[in-house]
Amino acid sequence: MSDWANPYPSDDPVSRLAFELSKLPGIGEKTAMRLAYAIVKRGKDYTGQLVRTLQQTQATVRFCNQCFTLTDREVCRICQNSDRDHSLVCVVEKPSDIYPIENTLRFKGVFHVLHGALSPLDGIGPQDLRIAELLERLNRATPAIREFILALNPTIEGDATALYISKLTRPMGIKVSKLAHGIPIGGQLEFSDKQTLSVALDNRVEMH
């Protein structure tokens, strides 16, 4: 969330719009103002459609009952796809991490979204993530899960989460691997190019 103070009068609607947009991740003051002007410039028809789309999205989007990504149905399209390899589960931190992996066209399994990573300094423990659901899924999955690919961001928090999951699941006889080197340390999956991710997926290494 941006921490810039609204420099315009409170009765200026464009600046109020920019200020609200600046609260979105990755949107700074200048970008927020450009977006605000662009929205207004597109006219009432576009603005009305944007508002309706936002309201519909907010009203219909929910978590998939199996993988916990965002979807408009009980079970998302990937989890429903019988052509996917349901014995191969790619574990990611957030729903937006699914798209770049799908975009590689190399991964044919399914996903599990943790909705974060372990961070004791921020008060985020295992109970705050979808780790219990991952273990439950492991126990009831049909076909049986044969491998977890831990596609977590290469950060201290991501590495700690990967190690924690590996220690929990390895005694169950499940292969646990992680993406190969190639993704920059401290980088984010959603900003990685598909060639880098393809290499990381193909050359994933088993965790010990």
Protein backbone atom coordinates (compact mmCIF):
# COMPACT_ATOMS: atom_id res chain seq x y z
CA MET A 1 0.00 0.00 0.00
CA SER A 2 1.28 3.42 -0.91
CA ASP A 3 2.05 5.74 1.95
CA TRP A 4 1.99 8.98 -0.03
CA ALA A 5 -0.27 11.69 1.33
CA ASN A 6 -2.98 12.97 -0.99
CA PRO A 7 -1.52 16.32 -2.14
CA TYR A 8 -4.78 17.56 -3.63
CA PRO A 9 -7.92 19.03 -2.09
CA SER A 10 -10.30 16.42 -0.69
CA ASP A 11 -13.03 17.66 -3.02
CA ASP A 12 -10.96 16.85 -6.13
CA PRO A 13 -12.52 13.59 -7.46
CA VAL A 14 -9.61 12.72 -9.75
CA SER A 15 -7.07 12.97 -6.95
CA ARG A 16 -9.32 10.91 -4.68
CA LEU A 17 -9.45 8.22 -7.38
CA ALA A 18 -5.66 8.35 -7.78
CA PHE A 19 -5.21 8.08 -4.03
CA GLU A 20 -7.37 4.94 -3.91
CA LEU A 21 -5.54 3.41 -6.86
CA SER A 22 -2.20 4.07 -5.15
CA LYS A 23 -3.21 1.64 -2.41
CA LEU A 24 -2.89 -1.25 -4.87
CA PRO A 25 0.39 -3.24 -4.90
CA GLY A 26 3.01 -1.83 -7.23
CA ILE A 27 1.08 1.37 -7.96
CA GLY A 28 3.01 4.50 -7.05
CA GLU A 29 1.86 8.11 -7.01
CA LYS A 30 2.65 8.91 -10.65
CA THR A 31 1.21 5.66 -11.99
CA ALA A 32 -1.93 6.12 -9.91
CA MET A 33 -2.45 9.60 -11.31
CA ARG A 34 -1.93 8.40 -14.90
CA LEU A 35 -4.46 5.60 -14.35
CA ALA A 36 -6.97 7.99 -12.82
CA TYR A 37 -6.75 10.37 -15.76
CA ALA A 38 -6.95 7.45 -18.22
CA ILE A 39 -10.10 6.09 -16.56
CA VAL A 40 -11.80 9.48 -16.62
CA LYS A 41 -10.72 10.11 -20.21
CA ARG A 42 -12.29 6.85 -21.40
CA GLY A 43 -15.73 8.24 -20.59
CA LYS A 44 -18.82 7.19 -18.66
CA ASP A 45 -19.48 4.00 -20.63
CA TYR A 46 -16.05 2.60 -19.78
CA THR A 47 -16.23 3.79 -16.18
CA GLY A 48 -19.63 2.17 -15.74
CA GLN A 49 -18.39 -1.11 -17.20
CA LEU A 50 -15.32 -1.00 -14.95
CA VAL A 51 -17.47 -0.47 -11.87
CA ARG A 52 -19.83 -3.31 -12.86
CA THR A 53 -16.90 -5.65 -13.49
CA LEU A 54 -15.33 -4.83 -10.12
CA GLN A 55 -18.64 -5.38 -8.34
CA GLN A 56 -19.29 -8.66 -10.16
CA THR A 57 -15.79 -9.88 -9.44
CA GLN A 58 -16.09 -9.02 -5.77
CA ALA A 59 -19.48 -10.73 -5.57
CA THR A 60 -18.57 -13.96 -7.38
CA VAL A 61 -14.88 -14.69 -6.78
CA ARG A 62 -14.06 -17.22 -4.08
CA PHE A 63 -11.33 -19.72 -3.18
CA CYS A 64 -11.20 -23.03 -5.02
CA ASN A 65 -12.14 -25.84 -2.62
CA GLN A 66 -9.12 -27.88 -3.70
CA CYS A 67 -6.20 -25.60 -4.53
CA PHE A 68 -7.36 -22.27 -2.98
CA THR A 69 -6.72 -20.13 -6.01
CA LEU A 70 -9.25 -17.46 -6.89
CA THR A 71 -12.14 -18.64 -9.04
CA ASP A 72 -15.82 -18.08 -9.69
CA ARG A 73 -16.77 -21.70 -8.99
CA GLU A 74 -16.40 -24.24 -6.20
CA VAL A 75 -13.58 -26.04 -8.00
CA CYS A 76 -11.40 -24.08 -10.42
CA ARG A 77 -10.92 -24.96 -14.07
CA ILE A 78 -7.45 -26.42 -13.55
CA CYS A 79 -8.54 -28.71 -10.73
CA GLN A 80 -11.55 -29.82 -12.81
CA ASN A 81 -9.41 -30.68 -15.82
CA SER A 82 -9.10 -34.47 -16.06
CA ASP A 83 -6.26 -34.11 -18.57
CA ARG A 84 -4.00 -32.61 -15.90
CA ASP A 85 -1.66 -34.81 -13.85
CA HIS A 86 -3.32 -34.63 -10.43
CA SER A 87 -0.49 -36.62 -8.84
CA LEU A 88 1.89 -33.70 -9.46
CA VAL A 89 1.18 -30.64 -7.29
CA CYS A 90 2.96 -27.31 -7.67
CA VAL A 91 2.86 -25.32 -4.42
CA VAL A 92 2.92 -21.52 -4.81
CA GLU A 93 2.63 -18.55 -2.46
CA LYS A 94 -0.19 -16.64 -4.13
CA PRO A 95 -2.74 -17.03 -6.94
CA SER A 96 -0.83 -14.66 -9.23
CA ASP A 97 2.11 -17.12 -9.23
CA ILE A 98 0.02 -19.65 -11.16
CA TYR A 99 -0.18 -17.60 -14.36
CA PRO A 100 3.57 -17.38 -15.15
CA ILE A 101 3.97 -21.11 -14.54
CA GLU A 102 0.98 -21.89 -16.77
CA ASN A 103 2.42 -19.53 -19.37
CA THR A 104 5.50 -21.74 -19.75
CA LEU A 105 3.25 -24.48 -21.22
CA ARG A 106 5.58 -27.01 -19.57
CA PHE A 107 3.71 -27.82 -16.37
CA LYS A 108 0.83 -30.29 -16.70
CA GLY A 109 0.04 -30.88 -13.03
CA VAL A 110 -2.19 -28.98 -10.61
CA PHE A 111 -1.56 -26.30 -8.01
CA HIS A 112 -1.89 -25.51 -4.32
CA VAL A 113 -1.86 -21.89 -3.11
CA LEU A 114 -0.51 -21.20 0.39
CA HIS A 115 -1.53 -17.52 0.47
CA GLY A 116 1.76 -16.37 1.89
CA ALA A 117 5.02 -17.62 3.35
CA LEU A 118 6.30 -18.21 6.86
CA SER A 119 7.54 -15.00 8.44
CA PRO A 120 7.91 -15.09 12.25
CA LEU A 121 8.94 -11.43 12.34
CA ASP A 122 5.59 -10.52 10.79
CA GLY A 123 3.69 -12.95 12.97
CA ILE A 124 2.91 -15.33 10.08
CA GLY A 125 3.09 -18.96 11.19
CA PRO A 126 1.96 -22.28 9.68
CA GLN A 127 -1.56 -21.72 11.00
CA ASP A 128 -1.86 -18.61 8.86
CA LEU A 129 -1.15 -20.47 5.61
CA ARG A 130 -2.92 -23.24 3.71
CA ILE A 131 -0.42 -25.84 4.92
CA ALA A 132 -2.95 -27.89 6.90
CA GLU A 133 -5.12 -28.05 3.77
CA LEU A 134 -2.09 -29.22 1.79
CA LEU A 135 -1.56 -32.11 4.20
CA GLU A 136 -5.26 -32.93 4.14
CA ARG A 137 -5.16 -32.95 0.37
CA LEU A 138 -2.21 -35.31 0.50
CA ASN A 139 -4.20 -37.79 2.59
CA ARG A 140 -7.34 -37.81 0.43
CA ALA A 141 -6.02 -37.20 -3.09
CA THR A 142 -7.05 -39.56 -5.89
CA PRO A 143 -4.81 -40.42 -7.63
CA ALA A 144 -2.23 -40.36 -4.86
CA ILE A 145 0.16 -37.41 -4.94
CA ARG A 146 3.63 -38.49 -6.02
CA GLU A 147 5.47 -35.15 -6.02
CA PHE A 148 5.26 -31.66 -4.60
CA ILE A 149 7.07 -28.98 -6.58
CA LEU A 150 7.73 -26.12 -4.18
CA ALA A 151 7.62 -23.11 -6.51
CA LEU A 152 8.05 -20.56 -3.76
CA ASN A 153 9.76 -17.22 -4.17
CA PRO A 154 13.55 -17.37 -3.61
CA THR A 155 13.45 -15.28 -0.44
CA ILE A 156 14.27 -16.06 3.18
CA GLU A 157 10.56 -16.55 3.86
CA GLY A 158 10.05 -18.70 0.78
CA ASP A 159 13.04 -20.90 1.60
CA ALA A 160 11.90 -21.32 5.21
CA THR A 161 8.42 -22.32 4.03
CA ALA A 162 9.84 -24.81 1.53
CA LEU A 163 12.02 -26.41 4.20
CA TYR A 164 9.08 -26.62 6.62
CA ILE A 165 6.82 -28.32 4.07
CA SER A 166 9.61 -30.67 3.02
CA LYS A 167 10.16 -31.83 6.61
CA LEU A 168 6.42 -32.41 7.07
CA THR A 169 5.83 -34.37 3.89
CA ARG A 170 9.04 -36.32 3.34
CA PRO A 171 8.24 -38.95 6.02
CA MET A 172 5.06 -39.68 4.04
CA GLY A 173 7.12 -40.94 1.12
CA ILE A 174 6.33 -37.99 -1.16
CA LYS A 175 9.00 -36.65 -3.49
CA VAL A 176 9.58 -32.97 -2.75
CA SER A 177 11.42 -30.80 -5.25
CA LYS A 178 12.05 -27.10 -5.73
CA LEU A 179 12.67 -24.94 -8.75
CA ALA A 180 16.21 -24.93 -10.10
CA HIS A 181 18.46 -21.89 -10.01
CA GLY A 182 17.77 -19.24 -12.56
CA ILE A 183 15.17 -17.22 -10.69
CA PRO A 184 16.98 -14.27 -9.06
CA ILE A 185 17.43 -14.44 -5.30
CA GLY A 186 14.81 -12.20 -3.76
CA GLY A 187 12.81 -12.16 -7.00
CA GLN A 188 9.11 -12.85 -7.52
CA LEU A 189 7.66 -15.62 -9.65
CA GLU A 190 4.98 -13.41 -11.15
CA PHE A 191 7.67 -11.16 -12.67
CA SER A 192 9.85 -13.99 -14.04
CA ASP A 193 9.93 -14.57 -17.79
CA LYS A 194 8.57 -17.85 -19.12
CA GLN A 195 11.94 -19.08 -20.45
CA THR A 196 13.55 -18.75 -17.01
CA LEU A 197 10.59 -20.51 -15.39
CA SER A 198 10.64 -23.28 -18.00
CA VAL A 199 14.29 -24.03 -17.22
CA ALA A 200 13.61 -23.86 -13.48
CA LEU A 201 10.71 -26.33 -13.82
CA ASP A 202 12.56 -28.76 -16.07
CA ASN A 203 15.67 -28.77 -13.87
CA ARG A 204 13.96 -28.76 -10.48
CA VAL A 205 15.99 -30.44 -7.75
CA GLU A 206 14.81 -32.80 -5.06
CA MET A 207 14.94 -31.42 -1.54
CA HIS A 208 16.83 -33.38 1.13
